[in-house]
Amino acid sequence: MKEPFSEARFVTVSEVADLLRVSRMTVYRLIDQRSLPAIRVGRGYRILEEDVHRYLQERYTEAG
């Protein structure tokens, strides 16, 4: 049986910003608005890679 998060990949706010081609502040806003789930680690945030993909899929279908 798999342990929770055993294959989970976390990315930083900067990595998400680079991927989405937006500023880090935009990513922080998405986190504050609860549009993008994140986990607080120390003073920063980590986002599950699959949550980023889910966010993009939801936005893509809304635009299409």
PDB file of N, CA and C in Angstrom:
ATOM      1  N   MET A   1       0.840  -1.187   0.000  1.00  0.00           N
ATOM      2  CA  MET A   1       0.000   0.000   0.000  1.00  0.00           C
ATOM      3  C   MET A   1       0.889   1.257   0.000  1.00  0.00           C
ATOM      4  N   LYS A   2       0.530   2.226  -0.818  1.00  0.00           N
ATOM      5  CA  LYS A   2       1.321   3.453  -0.933  1.00  0.00           C
ATOM      6  C   LYS A   2       1.094   4.367   0.272  1.00  0.00           C
ATOM      7  N   GLU A   3       2.162   5.018   0.657  1.00  0.00           N
ATOM      8  CA  GLU A   3       2.060   6.038   1.690  1.00  0.00           C
ATOM      9  C   GLU A   3       1.519   7.320   1.050  1.00  0.00           C
ATOM     10  N   PRO A   4       0.733   8.112   1.799  1.00  0.00           N
ATOM     11  CA  PRO A   4       0.260   9.383   1.231  1.00  0.00           C
ATOM     12  C   PRO A   4       1.450  10.274   0.858  1.00  0.00           C
ATOM     13  N   PHE A   5       1.355  10.930  -0.248  1.00  0.00           N
ATOM     14  CA  PHE A   5       2.381  11.851  -0.749  1.00  0.00           C
ATOM     15  C   PHE A   5       3.687  11.163  -1.127  1.00  0.00           C
ATOM     16  N   SER A   6       3.700   9.833  -1.220  1.00  0.00           N
ATOM     17  CA  SER A   6       4.948   9.149  -1.553  1.00  0.00           C
ATOM     18  C   SER A   6       5.436   9.502  -2.957  1.00  0.00           C
ATOM     19  N   GLU A   7       4.523   9.777  -3.853  1.00  0.00           N
ATOM     20  CA  GLU A   7       4.918  10.144  -5.215  1.00  0.00           C
ATOM     21  C   GLU A   7       4.526  11.582  -5.547  1.00  0.00           C
ATOM     22  N   ALA A   8       4.080  12.324  -4.543  1.00  0.00           N
ATOM     23  CA  ALA A   8       3.660  13.702  -4.773  1.00  0.00           C
ATOM     24  C   ALA A   8       4.880  14.568  -5.048  1.00  0.00           C
ATOM     25  N   ARG A   9       4.727  15.484  -5.982  1.00  0.00           N
ATOM     26  CA  ARG A   9       5.800  16.419  -6.290  1.00  0.00           C
ATOM     27  C   ARG A   9       5.309  17.817  -5.974  1.00  0.00           C
ATOM     28  N   PHE A  10       6.035  18.476  -5.093  1.00  0.00           N
ATOM     29  CA  PHE A  10       5.699  19.841  -4.710  1.00  0.00           C
ATOM     30  C   PHE A  10       6.557  20.821  -5.486  1.00  0.00           C
ATOM     31  N   VAL A  11       5.964  21.937  -5.877  1.00  0.00           N
ATOM     32  CA  VAL A  11       6.700  22.986  -6.586  1.00  0.00           C
ATOM     33  C   VAL A  11       6.581  24.282  -5.797  1.00  0.00           C
ATOM     34  N   THR A  12       7.510  25.184  -6.046  1.00  0.00           N
ATOM     35  CA  THR A  12       7.528  26.466  -5.336  1.00  0.00           C
ATOM     36  C   THR A  12       6.662  27.491  -6.073  1.00  0.00           C
ATOM     37  N   VAL A  13       6.418  28.591  -5.400  1.00  0.00           N
ATOM     38  CA  VAL A  13       5.663  29.696  -6.011  1.00  0.00           C
ATOM     39  C   VAL A  13       6.396  30.192  -7.258  1.00  0.00           C
ATOM     40  N   SER A  14       7.709  30.285  -7.197  1.00  0.00           N
ATOM     41  CA  SER A  14       8.490  30.744  -8.353  1.00  0.00           C
ATOM     42  C   SER A  14       8.358  29.793  -9.536  1.00  0.00           C
ATOM     43  N   GLU A  15       8.372  28.489  -9.254  1.00  0.00           N
ATOM     44  CA  GLU A  15       8.228  27.516 -10.336  1.00  0.00           C
ATOM     45  C   GLU A  15       6.851  27.605 -10.985  1.00  0.00           C
ATOM     46  N   VAL A  16       5.821  27.798 -10.166  1.00  0.00           N
ATOM     47  CA  VAL A  16       4.464  27.945 -10.704  1.00  0.00           C
ATOM     48  C   VAL A  16       4.376  29.222 -11.544  1.00  0.00           C
ATOM     49  N   ALA A  17       4.951  30.305 -11.038  1.00  0.00           N
ATOM     50  CA  ALA A  17       4.941  31.570 -11.775  1.00  0.00           C
ATOM     51  C   ALA A  17       5.627  31.414 -13.131  1.00  0.00           C
ATOM     52  N   ASP A  18       6.760  30.724 -13.157  1.00  0.00           N
ATOM     53  CA  ASP A  18       7.470  30.493 -14.428  1.00  0.00           C
ATOM     54  C   ASP A  18       6.617  29.658 -15.376  1.00  0.00           C
ATOM     55  N   LEU A  19       5.999  28.615 -14.841  1.00  0.00           N
ATOM     56  CA  LEU A  19       5.173  27.737 -15.671  1.00  0.00           C
ATOM     57  C   LEU A  19       3.989  28.491 -16.281  1.00  0.00           C
ATOM     58  N   LEU A  20       3.310  29.304 -15.457  1.00  0.00           N
ATOM     59  CA  LEU A  20       2.130  30.038 -15.917  1.00  0.00           C
ATOM     60  C   LEU A  20       2.494  31.345 -16.626  1.00  0.00           C
ATOM     61  N   ARG A  21       3.774  31.708 -16.553  1.00  0.00           N
ATOM     62  CA  ARG A  21       4.251  32.973 -17.125  1.00  0.00           C
ATOM     63  C   ARG A  21       3.521  34.171 -16.544  1.00  0.00           C
ATOM     64  N   VAL A  22       3.449  34.161 -15.209  1.00  0.00           N
ATOM     65  CA  VAL A  22       2.867  35.273 -14.457  1.00  0.00           C
ATOM     66  C   VAL A  22       3.845  35.650 -13.349  1.00  0.00           C
ATOM     67  N   SER A  23       3.543  36.717 -12.644  1.00  0.00           N
ATOM     68  CA  SER A  23       4.418  37.127 -11.542  1.00  0.00           C
ATOM     69  C   SER A  23       4.164  36.244 -10.317  1.00  0.00           C
ATOM     70  N   ARG A  24       5.126  36.243  -9.403  1.00  0.00           N
ATOM     71  CA  ARG A  24       4.941  35.502  -8.155  1.00  0.00           C
ATOM     72  C   ARG A  24       3.773  36.067  -7.373  1.00  0.00           C
ATOM     73  N   MET A  25       3.566  37.382  -7.456  1.00  0.00           N
ATOM     74  CA  MET A  25       2.455  38.006  -6.741  1.00  0.00           C
ATOM     75  C   MET A  25       1.116  37.451  -7.233  1.00  0.00           C
ATOM     76  N   THR A  26       0.999  37.183  -8.511  1.00  0.00           N
ATOM     77  CA  THR A  26      -0.225  36.588  -9.059  1.00  0.00           C
ATOM     78  C   THR A  26      -0.458  35.209  -8.461  1.00  0.00           C
ATOM     79  N   VAL A  27       0.599  34.428  -8.308  1.00  0.00           N
ATOM     80  CA  VAL A  27       0.466  33.097  -7.706  1.00  0.00           C
ATOM     81  C   VAL A  27       0.025  33.240  -6.249  1.00  0.00           C
ATOM     82  N   TYR A  28       0.618  34.195  -5.519  1.00  0.00           N
ATOM     83  CA  TYR A  28       0.195  34.425  -4.130  1.00  0.00           C
ATOM     84  C   TYR A  28      -1.275  34.807  -4.066  1.00  0.00           C
ATOM     85  N   ARG A  29      -1.738  35.606  -5.019  1.00  0.00           N
ATOM     86  CA  ARG A  29      -3.163  35.975  -5.054  1.00  0.00           C
ATOM     87  C   ARG A  29      -4.041  34.745  -5.281  1.00  0.00           C
ATOM     88  N   LEU A  30      -3.628  33.868  -6.196  1.00  0.00           N
ATOM     89  CA  LEU A  30      -4.385  32.637  -6.451  1.00  0.00           C
ATOM     90  C   LEU A  30      -4.466  31.789  -5.184  1.00  0.00           C
ATOM     91  N   ILE A  31      -3.385  31.755  -4.423  1.00  0.00           N
ATOM     92  CA  ILE A  31      -3.379  31.011  -3.167  1.00  0.00           C
ATOM     93  C   ILE A  31      -4.315  31.679  -2.163  1.00  0.00           C
ATOM     94  N   ASP A  32      -4.223  33.001  -2.032  1.00  0.00           N
ATOM     95  CA  ASP A  32      -5.091  33.734  -1.094  1.00  0.00           C
ATOM     96  C   ASP A  32      -6.568  33.587  -1.439  1.00  0.00           C
ATOM     97  N   GLN A  33      -6.885  33.551  -2.734  1.00  0.00           N
ATOM     98  CA  GLN A  33      -8.273  33.412  -3.186  1.00  0.00           C
ATOM     99  C   GLN A  33      -8.744  31.966  -3.132  1.00  0.00           C
ATOM    100  N   ARG A  34      -7.852  31.073  -2.731  1.00  0.00           N
ATOM    101  CA  ARG A  34      -8.131  29.636  -2.657  1.00  0.00           C
ATOM    102  C   ARG A  34      -8.428  29.019  -4.027  1.00  0.00           C
ATOM    103  N   SER A  35      -7.952  29.669  -5.070  1.00  0.00           N
ATOM    104  CA  SER A  35      -8.066  29.104  -6.415  1.00  0.00           C
ATOM    105  C   SER A  35      -7.003  28.038  -6.640  1.00  0.00           C
ATOM    106  N   LEU A  36      -5.912  28.153  -5.892  1.00  0.00           N
ATOM    107  CA  LEU A  36      -4.790  27.219  -6.015  1.00  0.00           C
ATOM    108  C   LEU A  36      -4.404  26.767  -4.605  1.00  0.00           C
ATOM    109  N   PRO A  37      -4.675  25.497  -4.274  1.00  0.00           N
ATOM    110  CA  PRO A  37      -4.338  25.011  -2.932  1.00  0.00           C
ATOM    111  C   PRO A  37      -2.827  25.007  -2.715  1.00  0.00           C
ATOM    112  N   ALA A  38      -2.404  25.349  -1.510  1.00  0.00           N
ATOM    113  CA  ALA A  38      -0.976  25.366  -1.192  1.00  0.00           C
ATOM    114  C   ALA A  38      -0.768  24.979   0.268  1.00  0.00           C
ATOM    115  N   ILE A  39       0.430  24.525   0.548  1.00  0.00           N
ATOM    116  CA  ILE A  39       0.826  24.149   1.900  1.00  0.00           C
ATOM    117  C   ILE A  39       1.900  25.119   2.350  1.00  0.00           C
ATOM    118  N   ARG A  40       1.722  25.645   3.540  1.00  0.00           N
ATOM    119  CA  ARG A  40       2.714  26.579   4.087  1.00  0.00           C
ATOM    120  C   ARG A  40       3.889  25.784   4.636  1.00  0.00           C
ATOM    121  N   VAL A  41       5.084  26.122   4.202  1.00  0.00           N
ATOM    122  CA  VAL A  41       6.304  25.489   4.694  1.00  0.00           C
ATOM    123  C   VAL A  41       7.239  26.611   5.133  1.00  0.00           C
ATOM    124  N   GLY A  42       7.402  26.767   6.425  1.00  0.00           N
ATOM    125  CA  GLY A  42       8.200  27.889   6.924  1.00  0.00           C
ATOM    126  C   GLY A  42       7.551  29.200   6.534  1.00  0.00           C
ATOM    127  N   ARG A  43       8.305  30.041   5.845  1.00  0.00           N
ATOM    128  CA  ARG A  43       7.768  31.322   5.394  1.00  0.00           C
ATOM    129  C   ARG A  43       7.216  31.260   3.977  1.00  0.00           C
ATOM    130  N   GLY A  44       7.380  30.122   3.306  1.00  0.00           N
ATOM    131  CA  GLY A  44       6.951  30.006   1.914  1.00  0.00           C
ATOM    132  C   GLY A  44       5.807  29.031   1.740  1.00  0.00           C
ATOM    133  N   TYR A  45       5.463  28.807   0.501  1.00  0.00           N
ATOM    134  CA  TYR A  45       4.391  27.881   0.144  1.00  0.00           C
ATOM    135  C   TYR A  45       4.932  26.819  -0.799  1.00  0.00           C
ATOM    136  N   ARG A  46       4.303  25.660  -0.750  1.00  0.00           N
ATOM    137  CA  ARG A  46       4.555  24.603  -1.724  1.00  0.00           C
ATOM    138  C   ARG A  46       3.214  24.188  -2.297  1.00  0.00           C
ATOM    139  N   ILE A  47       3.209  23.930  -3.591  1.00  0.00           N
ATOM    140  CA  ILE A  47       1.975  23.578  -4.301  1.00  0.00           C
ATOM    141  C   ILE A  47       2.172  22.211  -4.931  1.00  0.00           C
ATOM    142  N   LEU A  48       1.178  21.354  -4.797  1.00  0.00           N
ATOM    143  CA  LEU A  48       1.249  20.056  -5.458  1.00  0.00           C
ATOM    144  C   LEU A  48       1.207  20.269  -6.967  1.00  0.00           C
ATOM    145  N   GLU A  49       2.111  19.605  -7.668  1.00  0.00           N
ATOM    146  CA  GLU A  49       2.160  19.740  -9.119  1.00  0.00           C
ATOM    147  C   GLU A  49       0.805  19.382  -9.749  1.00  0.00           C
ATOM    148  N   GLU A  50       0.147  18.348  -9.210  1.00  0.00           N
ATOM    149  CA  GLU A  50      -1.143  17.947  -9.785  1.00  0.00           C
ATOM    150  C   GLU A  50      -2.213  19.022  -9.573  1.00  0.00           C
ATOM    151  N   ASP A  51      -2.112  19.817  -8.495  1.00  0.00           N
ATOM    152  CA  ASP A  51      -3.057  20.921  -8.296  1.00  0.00           C
ATOM    153  C   ASP A  51      -2.845  22.017  -9.336  1.00  0.00           C
ATOM    154  N   VAL A  52      -1.600  22.237  -9.739  1.00  0.00           N
ATOM    155  CA  VAL A  52      -1.311  23.212 -10.801  1.00  0.00           C
ATOM    156  C   VAL A  52      -1.934  22.730 -12.108  1.00  0.00           C
ATOM    157  N   HIS A  53      -1.761  21.445 -12.412  1.00  0.00           N
ATOM    158  CA  HIS A  53      -2.341  20.885 -13.637  1.00  0.00           C
ATOM    159  C   HIS A  53      -3.870  20.949 -13.594  1.00  0.00           C
ATOM    160  N   ARG A  54      -4.447  20.662 -12.443  1.00  0.00           N
ATOM    161  CA  ARG A  54      -5.909  20.730 -12.293  1.00  0.00           C
ATOM    162  C   ARG A  54      -6.402  22.162 -12.508  1.00  0.00           C
ATOM    163  N   TYR A  55      -5.681  23.135 -11.928  1.00  0.00           N
ATOM    164  CA  TYR A  55      -6.034  24.542 -12.099  1.00  0.00           C
ATOM    165  C   TYR A  55      -6.011  24.919 -13.587  1.00  0.00           C
ATOM    166  N   LEU A  56      -4.968  24.489 -14.292  1.00  0.00           N
ATOM    167  CA  LEU A  56      -4.861  24.802 -15.717  1.00  0.00           C
ATOM    168  C   LEU A  56      -5.977  24.142 -16.524  1.00  0.00           C
ATOM    169  N   GLN A  57      -6.311  22.901 -16.205  1.00  0.00           N
ATOM    170  CA  GLN A  57      -7.395  22.213 -16.911  1.00  0.00           C
ATOM    171  C   GLN A  57      -8.728  22.928 -16.714  1.00  0.00           C
ATOM    172  N   GLU A  58      -9.005  23.362 -15.480  1.00  0.00           N
ATOM    173  CA  GLU A  58     -10.259  24.075 -15.209  1.00  0.00           C
ATOM    174  C   GLU A  58     -10.313  25.382 -15.973  1.00  0.00           C
ATOM    175  N   ARG A  59      -9.207  26.099 -16.031  1.00  0.00           N
ATOM    176  CA  ARG A  59      -9.174  27.380 -16.746  1.00  0.00           C
ATOM    177  C   ARG A  59      -9.289  27.166 -18.245  1.00  0.00           C
ATOM    178  N   TYR A  60      -8.675  26.105 -18.742  1.00  0.00           N
ATOM    179  CA  TYR A  60      -8.709  25.824 -20.163  1.00  0.00           C
ATOM    180  C   TYR A  60     -10.130  25.533 -20.637  1.00  0.00           C
ATOM    181  N   THR A  61     -10.889  24.750 -19.878  1.00  0.00           N
ATOM    182  CA  THR A  61     -12.249  24.435 -20.281  1.00  0.00           C
ATOM    183  C   THR A  61     -13.168  25.654 -20.169  1.00  0.00           C
ATOM    184  N   GLU A  62     -12.876  26.554 -19.208  1.00  0.00           N
ATOM    185  CA  GLU A  62     -13.681  27.768 -19.093  1.00  0.00           C
ATOM    186  C   GLU A  62     -13.458  28.679 -20.289  1.00  0.00           C
ATOM    187  N   ALA A  63     -12.230  28.716 -20.800  1.00  0.00           N
ATOM    188  CA  ALA A  63     -11.919  29.594 -21.931  1.00  0.00           C
ATOM    189  C   ALA A  63     -12.437  29.004 -23.252  1.00  0.00           C
ATOM    190  N   GLY A  64     -12.519  27.680 -23.310  1.00  0.00           N
ATOM    191  CA  GLY A  64     -12.899  27.022 -24.557  1.00  0.00           C
ATOM    192  C   GLY A  64     -14.360  26.931 -24.678  1.00  0.00           C
TER     193      GLY A  64
END
